[in-house]
Amino acid sequence: MAPKVSEEYKNEKRKELIKAAKKVFIEKGYVHTSMQDIMDEAGISRGAFYSYFDNIDHVFIEVLKDDDKKDVQYFVPSDEGPLWPQLKRWVEEQQYHIEAIDQTLLFAKAEFFLSSKYVKNKNNFPYISERYNQTAEAIEKVLNEGIRKGEFRPQQSTHSIARYIISFIDGLMLDTFQLGHKQTKVKDQLFVLLFSLEKIINPVHLTSSSRSLPLQ
């Protein structure tokens, strides 16, 4: 009789497999990654691996969920300082994620979102809509908290501002995937985004040093 495996062990093993899968997706992209590639990277048998994941799309969505956690967690309002610098840092950090295609999931994401499998079967991938909503809601929560604390006096609804940020970042990611970061000038584009956000969000009590400066 096989030994009983604890839920804690299963959860930890699942995290290890997602980590291995993420590495392969970063190296090979979505289109050219197979279940066997991930099994080889993780050093796990086929039977054991399929006890956690049904197919390559299932694996990719789980990797996407894990990767999305950091963005949502980033927008947990902090009581340790003003919220504008927190939002500003997140935007600035997007420069690395957009430019470093070979070190992030950007290439795999672009392939997945442009794939006929996703385009023709969007209803089979409800998490894609969920991830958009949860990111928008997380940004909106920070903006509303800024209003509550008297830090923000937005010129547009927080609902619209949150979705404007996502659309800008996603569009810049897609353009950079197609054209390369030298042509899309990611740093300059993000500076323009910050400049516009500062006008729209209207953070109060900013010193001259805390206003939007060119990205380094």
C-alpha atoms as a PDB file:
ATOM      1  CA  MET A   1       0.000   0.000   0.000  1.00  0.00           C
ATOM      2  CA  ALA A   2       1.431   3.385  -1.008  1.00  0.00           C
ATOM      3  CA  PRO A   3       2.245   5.756   1.883  1.00  0.00           C
ATOM      4  CA  LYS A   4      -0.272   8.541   2.446  1.00  0.00           C
ATOM      5  CA  VAL A   5       1.015  11.898   1.252  1.00  0.00           C
ATOM      6  CA  SER A   6       0.151  14.922   3.382  1.00  0.00           C
ATOM      7  CA  GLU A   7      -1.555  17.988   1.934  1.00  0.00           C
ATOM      8  CA  GLU A   8       1.434  20.056   3.051  1.00  0.00           C
ATOM      9  CA  TYR A   9       3.750  17.856   0.986  1.00  0.00           C
ATOM     10  CA  LYS A  10       1.435  18.109  -2.030  1.00  0.00           C
ATOM     11  CA  ASN A  11       1.316  21.886  -1.776  1.00  0.00           C
ATOM     12  CA  GLU A  12       5.091  22.173  -1.520  1.00  0.00           C
ATOM     13  CA  LYS A  13       5.585  19.764  -4.408  1.00  0.00           C
ATOM     14  CA  ARG A  14       3.113  21.714  -6.502  1.00  0.00           C
ATOM     15  CA  LYS A  15       5.071  24.917  -5.816  1.00  0.00           C
ATOM     16  CA  GLU A  16       8.278  23.176  -6.916  1.00  0.00           C
ATOM     17  CA  LEU A  17       6.649  22.001 -10.137  1.00  0.00           C
ATOM     18  CA  ILE A  18       5.277  25.473 -10.881  1.00  0.00           C
ATOM     19  CA  LYS A  19       8.747  26.922 -10.300  1.00  0.00           C
ATOM     20  CA  ALA A  20      10.259  24.379 -12.710  1.00  0.00           C
ATOM     21  CA  ALA A  21       7.531  25.042 -15.280  1.00  0.00           C
ATOM     22  CA  LYS A  22       8.075  28.789 -15.055  1.00  0.00           C
ATOM     23  CA  LYS A  23      11.779  28.309 -15.784  1.00  0.00           C
ATOM     24  CA  VAL A  24      10.987  26.269 -18.894  1.00  0.00           C
ATOM     25  CA  PHE A  25       8.328  28.703 -20.139  1.00  0.00           C
ATOM     26  CA  ILE A  26      10.800  31.587 -19.742  1.00  0.00           C
ATOM     27  CA  GLU A  27      13.467  29.687 -21.679  1.00  0.00           C
ATOM     28  CA  LYS A  28      11.298  28.199 -24.441  1.00  0.00           C
ATOM     29  CA  GLY A  29       8.107  30.253 -24.536  1.00  0.00           C
ATOM     30  CA  TYR A  30       4.574  28.884 -24.473  1.00  0.00           C
ATOM     31  CA  VAL A  31       4.406  27.405 -27.968  1.00  0.00           C
ATOM     32  CA  HIS A  32       7.562  25.271 -27.768  1.00  0.00           C
ATOM     33  CA  THR A  33       7.192  24.009 -24.190  1.00  0.00           C
ATOM     34  CA  SER A  34       5.937  20.447 -23.722  1.00  0.00           C
ATOM     35  CA  MET A  35       4.863  18.538 -20.645  1.00  0.00           C
ATOM     36  CA  GLN A  36       7.978  16.386 -21.093  1.00  0.00           C
ATOM     37  CA  ASP A  37      10.214  19.487 -20.992  1.00  0.00           C
ATOM     38  CA  ILE A  38       8.761  20.414 -17.611  1.00  0.00           C
ATOM     39  CA  MET A  39       8.974  16.858 -16.278  1.00  0.00           C
ATOM     40  CA  ASP A  40      12.636  16.723 -17.274  1.00  0.00           C
ATOM     41  CA  GLU A  41      13.332  20.062 -15.565  1.00  0.00           C
ATOM     42  CA  ALA A  42      11.509  18.980 -12.402  1.00  0.00           C
ATOM     43  CA  GLY A  43      12.930  15.450 -12.399  1.00  0.00           C
ATOM     44  CA  ILE A  44       9.512  13.865 -11.899  1.00  0.00           C
ATOM     45  CA  SER A  45       7.773  10.903 -13.473  1.00  0.00           C
ATOM     46  CA  ARG A  46       4.903  11.297 -15.924  1.00  0.00           C
ATOM     47  CA  GLY A  47       2.389   9.686 -13.578  1.00  0.00           C
ATOM     48  CA  ALA A  48       3.369  11.883 -10.669  1.00  0.00           C
ATOM     49  CA  PHE A  49       3.322  15.026 -12.788  1.00  0.00           C
ATOM     50  CA  TYR A  50      -0.121  14.312 -14.235  1.00  0.00           C
ATOM     51  CA  SER A  51      -1.470  13.885 -10.729  1.00  0.00           C
ATOM     52  CA  TYR A  52      -0.972  17.651 -10.365  1.00  0.00           C
ATOM     53  CA  PHE A  53      -1.702  19.002 -13.856  1.00  0.00           C
ATOM     54  CA  ASP A  54      -3.996  17.898 -16.692  1.00  0.00           C
ATOM     55  CA  ASN A  55      -2.225  19.430 -19.684  1.00  0.00           C
ATOM     56  CA  ILE A  56       0.165  22.185 -20.780  1.00  0.00           C
ATOM     57  CA  ASP A  57      -2.542  24.862 -20.615  1.00  0.00           C
ATOM     58  CA  HIS A  58      -3.354  23.888 -17.038  1.00  0.00           C
ATOM     59  CA  VAL A  59       0.334  24.228 -16.140  1.00  0.00           C
ATOM     60  CA  PHE A  60       0.646  27.608 -17.847  1.00  0.00           C
ATOM     61  CA  ILE A  61      -2.410  29.056 -16.115  1.00  0.00           C
ATOM     62  CA  GLU A  62      -1.067  27.912 -12.730  1.00  0.00           C
ATOM     63  CA  VAL A  63       2.309  29.504 -13.520  1.00  0.00           C
ATOM     64  CA  LEU A  64       0.466  32.673 -14.526  1.00  0.00           C
ATOM     65  CA  LYS A  65      -1.475  32.691 -11.243  1.00  0.00           C
ATOM     66  CA  ASP A  66       1.729  32.326  -9.259  1.00  0.00           C
ATOM     67  CA  ASP A  67       3.423  35.104 -11.244  1.00  0.00           C
ATOM     68  CA  ASP A  68       0.430  37.414 -10.806  1.00  0.00           C
ATOM     69  CA  LYS A  69       0.536  37.174  -7.009  1.00  0.00           C
ATOM     70  CA  LYS A  70       3.420  39.619  -6.709  1.00  0.00           C
ATOM     71  CA  ASP A  71       1.535  42.365  -8.554  1.00  0.00           C
ATOM     72  CA  VAL A  72      -1.607  41.964  -6.465  1.00  0.00           C
ATOM     73  CA  GLN A  73       0.420  41.841  -3.233  1.00  0.00           C
ATOM     74  CA  TYR A  74       2.286  44.972  -4.319  1.00  0.00           C
ATOM     75  CA  PHE A  75      -0.971  46.886  -4.182  1.00  0.00           C
ATOM     76  CA  VAL A  76      -1.808  46.038  -0.593  1.00  0.00           C
ATOM     77  CA  PRO A  77      -2.072  49.539   0.919  1.00  0.00           C
ATOM     78  CA  SER A  78       0.726  50.292   3.361  1.00  0.00           C
ATOM     79  CA  ASP A  79       0.386  52.307   6.564  1.00  0.00           C
ATOM     80  CA  GLU A  80       4.116  53.020   6.586  1.00  0.00           C
ATOM     81  CA  GLY A  81       4.119  55.964   4.217  1.00  0.00           C
ATOM     82  CA  PRO A  82       2.312  57.797   1.419  1.00  0.00           C
ATOM     83  CA  LEU A  83       0.717  55.722  -1.323  1.00  0.00           C
ATOM     84  CA  TRP A  84       1.898  57.673  -4.383  1.00  0.00           C
ATOM     85  CA  PRO A  85       5.535  56.466  -4.050  1.00  0.00           C
ATOM     86  CA  GLN A  86       4.210  52.900  -3.722  1.00  0.00           C
ATOM     87  CA  LEU A  87       2.272  53.183  -6.997  1.00  0.00           C
ATOM     88  CA  LYS A  88       5.168  55.014  -8.657  1.00  0.00           C
ATOM     89  CA  ARG A  89       7.658  52.254  -7.741  1.00  0.00           C
ATOM     90  CA  TRP A  90       5.409  49.603  -9.276  1.00  0.00           C
ATOM     91  CA  VAL A  91       5.237  51.506 -12.568  1.00  0.00           C
ATOM     92  CA  GLU A  92       9.006  52.031 -12.570  1.00  0.00           C
ATOM     93  CA  GLU A  93       9.614  48.327 -11.979  1.00  0.00           C
ATOM     94  CA  GLN A  94       7.633  47.490 -15.111  1.00  0.00           C
ATOM     95  CA  GLN A  95      10.619  48.707 -17.139  1.00  0.00           C
ATOM     96  CA  TYR A  96      12.604  45.640 -16.117  1.00  0.00           C
ATOM     97  CA  HIS A  97       9.720  43.227 -16.681  1.00  0.00           C
ATOM     98  CA  ILE A  98       9.007  44.643 -20.138  1.00  0.00           C
ATOM     99  CA  GLU A  99      12.595  44.958 -21.350  1.00  0.00           C
ATOM    100  CA  ALA A 100      13.965  41.680 -19.965  1.00  0.00           C
ATOM    101  CA  ILE A 101      11.967  39.348 -22.207  1.00  0.00           C
ATOM    102  CA  ASP A 102      14.525  36.573 -21.806  1.00  0.00           C
ATOM    103  CA  GLN A 103      14.223  36.669 -18.011  1.00  0.00           C
ATOM    104  CA  THR A 104      10.463  36.972 -17.561  1.00  0.00           C
ATOM    105  CA  LEU A 105       7.259  35.318 -18.773  1.00  0.00           C
ATOM    106  CA  LEU A 106       6.520  38.141 -21.217  1.00  0.00           C
ATOM    107  CA  PHE A 107       7.459  36.104 -24.299  1.00  0.00           C
ATOM    108  CA  ALA A 108       5.368  33.107 -23.159  1.00  0.00           C
ATOM    109  CA  LYS A 109       2.430  35.361 -22.228  1.00  0.00           C
ATOM    110  CA  ALA A 110       2.467  37.061 -25.609  1.00  0.00           C
ATOM    111  CA  GLU A 111       2.544  33.705 -27.394  1.00  0.00           C
ATOM    112  CA  PHE A 112      -0.333  32.409 -25.293  1.00  0.00           C
ATOM    113  CA  PHE A 113      -2.573  35.466 -25.736  1.00  0.00           C
ATOM    114  CA  LEU A 114      -1.968  35.466 -29.484  1.00  0.00           C
ATOM    115  CA  SER A 115      -2.409  31.711 -29.870  1.00  0.00           C
ATOM    116  CA  SER A 116      -5.420  30.414 -31.787  1.00  0.00           C
ATOM    117  CA  LYS A 117      -6.120  28.031 -28.904  1.00  0.00           C
ATOM    118  CA  TYR A 118      -6.802  30.961 -26.574  1.00  0.00           C
ATOM    119  CA  VAL A 119      -8.327  33.342 -29.130  1.00  0.00           C
ATOM    120  CA  LYS A 120     -10.882  30.757 -30.289  1.00  0.00           C
ATOM    121  CA  ASN A 121     -11.644  29.310 -26.838  1.00  0.00           C
ATOM    122  CA  LYS A 122     -11.558  32.216 -24.395  1.00  0.00           C
ATOM    123  CA  ASN A 123     -14.420  30.755 -22.358  1.00  0.00           C
ATOM    124  CA  ASN A 124     -12.165  27.826 -21.485  1.00  0.00           C
ATOM    125  CA  PHE A 125      -9.756  30.162 -19.734  1.00  0.00           C
ATOM    126  CA  PRO A 126     -11.829  32.095 -17.147  1.00  0.00           C
ATOM    127  CA  TYR A 127      -8.726  32.999 -15.141  1.00  0.00           C
ATOM    128  CA  ILE A 128      -7.601  35.424 -17.860  1.00  0.00           C
ATOM    129  CA  SER A 129     -10.646  37.580 -17.166  1.00  0.00           C
ATOM    130  CA  GLU A 130     -10.266  37.034 -13.423  1.00  0.00           C
ATOM    131  CA  ARG A 131      -6.622  38.159 -13.405  1.00  0.00           C
ATOM    132  CA  TYR A 132      -7.551  41.381 -15.190  1.00  0.00           C
ATOM    133  CA  ASN A 133     -10.305  42.078 -12.684  1.00  0.00           C
ATOM    134  CA  GLN A 134      -8.229  41.231  -9.620  1.00  0.00           C
ATOM    135  CA  THR A 135      -5.365  43.465 -10.771  1.00  0.00           C
ATOM    136  CA  ALA A 136      -7.753  46.316 -11.559  1.00  0.00           C
ATOM    137  CA  GLU A 137      -9.474  45.906  -8.199  1.00  0.00           C
ATOM    138  CA  ALA A 138      -6.125  45.870  -6.373  1.00  0.00           C
ATOM    139  CA  ILE A 139      -5.032  49.124  -8.044  1.00  0.00           C
ATOM    140  CA  GLU A 140      -8.454  50.645  -7.443  1.00  0.00           C
ATOM    141  CA  LYS A 141      -8.235  49.725  -3.761  1.00  0.00           C
ATOM    142  CA  VAL A 142      -4.960  51.654  -3.402  1.00  0.00           C
ATOM    143  CA  LEU A 143      -6.449  54.663  -5.170  1.00  0.00           C
ATOM    144  CA  ASN A 144      -9.553  54.615  -2.977  1.00  0.00           C
ATOM    145  CA  GLU A 145      -7.393  54.278   0.122  1.00  0.00           C
ATOM    146  CA  GLY A 146      -5.429  57.316  -1.044  1.00  0.00           C
ATOM    147  CA  ILE A 147      -8.686  59.260  -1.325  1.00  0.00           C
ATOM    148  CA  ARG A 148      -9.769  58.094   2.132  1.00  0.00           C
ATOM    149  CA  LYS A 149      -6.454  59.231   3.635  1.00  0.00           C
ATOM    150  CA  GLY A 150      -6.630  62.571   1.852  1.00  0.00           C
ATOM    151  CA  GLU A 151      -3.581  61.795  -0.296  1.00  0.00           C
ATOM    152  CA  PHE A 152      -5.275  61.626  -3.708  1.00  0.00           C
ATOM    153  CA  ARG A 153      -7.722  63.990  -5.378  1.00  0.00           C
ATOM    154  CA  PRO A 154      -8.306  62.163  -8.666  1.00  0.00           C
ATOM    155  CA  GLN A 155      -9.662  63.922 -11.736  1.00  0.00           C
ATOM    156  CA  GLN A 156     -11.251  60.706 -13.051  1.00  0.00           C
ATOM    157  CA  SER A 157     -12.942  57.711 -11.414  1.00  0.00           C
ATOM    158  CA  THR A 158     -10.630  55.227  -9.715  1.00  0.00           C
ATOM    159  CA  HIS A 159     -12.356  52.498 -11.753  1.00  0.00           C
ATOM    160  CA  SER A 160     -11.223  54.135 -15.007  1.00  0.00           C
ATOM    161  CA  ILE A 161      -7.732  55.033 -13.758  1.00  0.00           C
ATOM    162  CA  ALA A 162      -6.994  51.441 -12.710  1.00  0.00           C
ATOM    163  CA  ARG A 163      -7.985  50.117 -16.123  1.00  0.00           C
ATOM    164  CA  TYR A 164      -6.065  52.871 -17.901  1.00  0.00           C
ATOM    165  CA  ILE A 165      -2.890  51.746 -16.125  1.00  0.00           C
ATOM    166  CA  ILE A 166      -3.426  48.103 -17.083  1.00  0.00           C
ATOM    167  CA  SER A 167      -4.214  48.954 -20.719  1.00  0.00           C
ATOM    168  CA  PHE A 168      -1.124  51.134 -21.013  1.00  0.00           C
ATOM    169  CA  ILE A 169       1.206  48.506 -19.525  1.00  0.00           C
ATOM    170  CA  ASP A 170      -0.300  45.632 -21.513  1.00  0.00           C
ATOM    171  CA  GLY A 171      -0.127  47.613 -24.752  1.00  0.00           C
ATOM    172  CA  LEU A 172       3.495  48.555 -24.134  1.00  0.00           C
ATOM    173  CA  MET A 173       4.314  44.915 -23.375  1.00  0.00           C
ATOM    174  CA  LEU A 174       2.741  43.728 -26.624  1.00  0.00           C
ATOM    175  CA  ASP A 175       4.456  46.401 -28.717  1.00  0.00           C
ATOM    176  CA  THR A 176       7.798  45.599 -27.099  1.00  0.00           C
ATOM    177  CA  PHE A 177       7.301  41.897 -27.737  1.00  0.00           C
ATOM    178  CA  GLN A 178       6.727  42.638 -31.425  1.00  0.00           C
ATOM    179  CA  LEU A 179       9.242  45.436 -31.983  1.00  0.00           C
ATOM    180  CA  GLY A 180      11.847  45.297 -29.210  1.00  0.00           C
ATOM    181  CA  HIS A 181      12.417  47.678 -26.297  1.00  0.00           C
ATOM    182  CA  LYS A 182      14.858  49.932 -28.191  1.00  0.00           C
ATOM    183  CA  GLN A 183      12.157  50.862 -30.674  1.00  0.00           C
ATOM    184  CA  THR A 184       9.319  51.211 -28.155  1.00  0.00           C
ATOM    185  CA  LYS A 185      11.529  53.212 -25.757  1.00  0.00           C
ATOM    186  CA  VAL A 186      10.035  51.622 -22.646  1.00  0.00           C
ATOM    187  CA  LYS A 187      11.688  53.971 -20.162  1.00  0.00           C
ATOM    188  CA  ASP A 188      10.386  57.078 -21.920  1.00  0.00           C
ATOM    189  CA  GLN A 189       6.902  55.624 -22.275  1.00  0.00           C
ATOM    190  CA  LEU A 190       6.708  54.787 -18.566  1.00  0.00           C
ATOM    191  CA  PHE A 191       7.843  58.290 -17.692  1.00  0.00           C
ATOM    192  CA  VAL A 192       4.946  59.648 -19.760  1.00  0.00           C
ATOM    193  CA  LEU A 193       2.601  57.247 -17.945  1.00  0.00           C
ATOM    194  CA  LEU A 194       3.821  58.483 -14.564  1.00  0.00           C
ATOM    195  CA  PHE A 195       3.511  62.092 -15.681  1.00  0.00           C
ATOM    196  CA  SER A 196      -0.083  61.553 -16.793  1.00  0.00           C
ATOM    197  CA  LEU A 197      -0.958  59.573 -13.659  1.00  0.00           C
ATOM    198  CA  GLU A 198       0.357  62.343 -11.448  1.00  0.00           C
ATOM    199  CA  LYS A 199      -1.986  64.784 -13.194  1.00  0.00           C
ATOM    200  CA  ILE A 200      -4.962  62.404 -13.095  1.00  0.00           C
ATOM    201  CA  ILE A 201      -4.496  61.095  -9.536  1.00  0.00           C
ATOM    202  CA  ASN A 202      -3.403  64.488  -8.221  1.00  0.00           C
ATOM    203  CA  PRO A 203      -1.435  63.345  -5.145  1.00  0.00           C
ATOM    204  CA  VAL A 204      -1.278  66.076  -2.499  1.00  0.00           C
ATOM    205  CA  HIS A 205       1.650  67.277  -0.375  1.00  0.00           C
ATOM    206  CA  LEU A 206       4.313  66.177  -2.893  1.00  0.00           C
ATOM    207  CA  THR A 207       7.719  67.716  -2.484  1.00  0.00           C
ATOM    208  CA  SER A 208       9.601  68.630  -5.640  1.00  0.00           C
ATOM    209  CA  SER A 209      11.879  65.605  -5.153  1.00  0.00           C
ATOM    210  CA  SER A 210       8.952  63.169  -5.020  1.00  0.00           C
ATOM    211  CA  ARG A 211       7.344  64.357  -8.244  1.00  0.00           C
ATOM    212  CA  SER A 212       7.852  62.328 -11.403  1.00  0.00           C
ATOM    213  CA  LEU A 213      11.444  62.445 -12.555  1.00  0.00           C
ATOM    214  CA  PRO A 214      12.889  60.702 -15.616  1.00  0.00           C
ATOM    215  CA  LEU A 215      13.399  56.986 -15.018  1.00  0.00           C
ATOM    216  CA  GLN A 216      16.992  55.922 -14.558  1.00  0.00           C
END
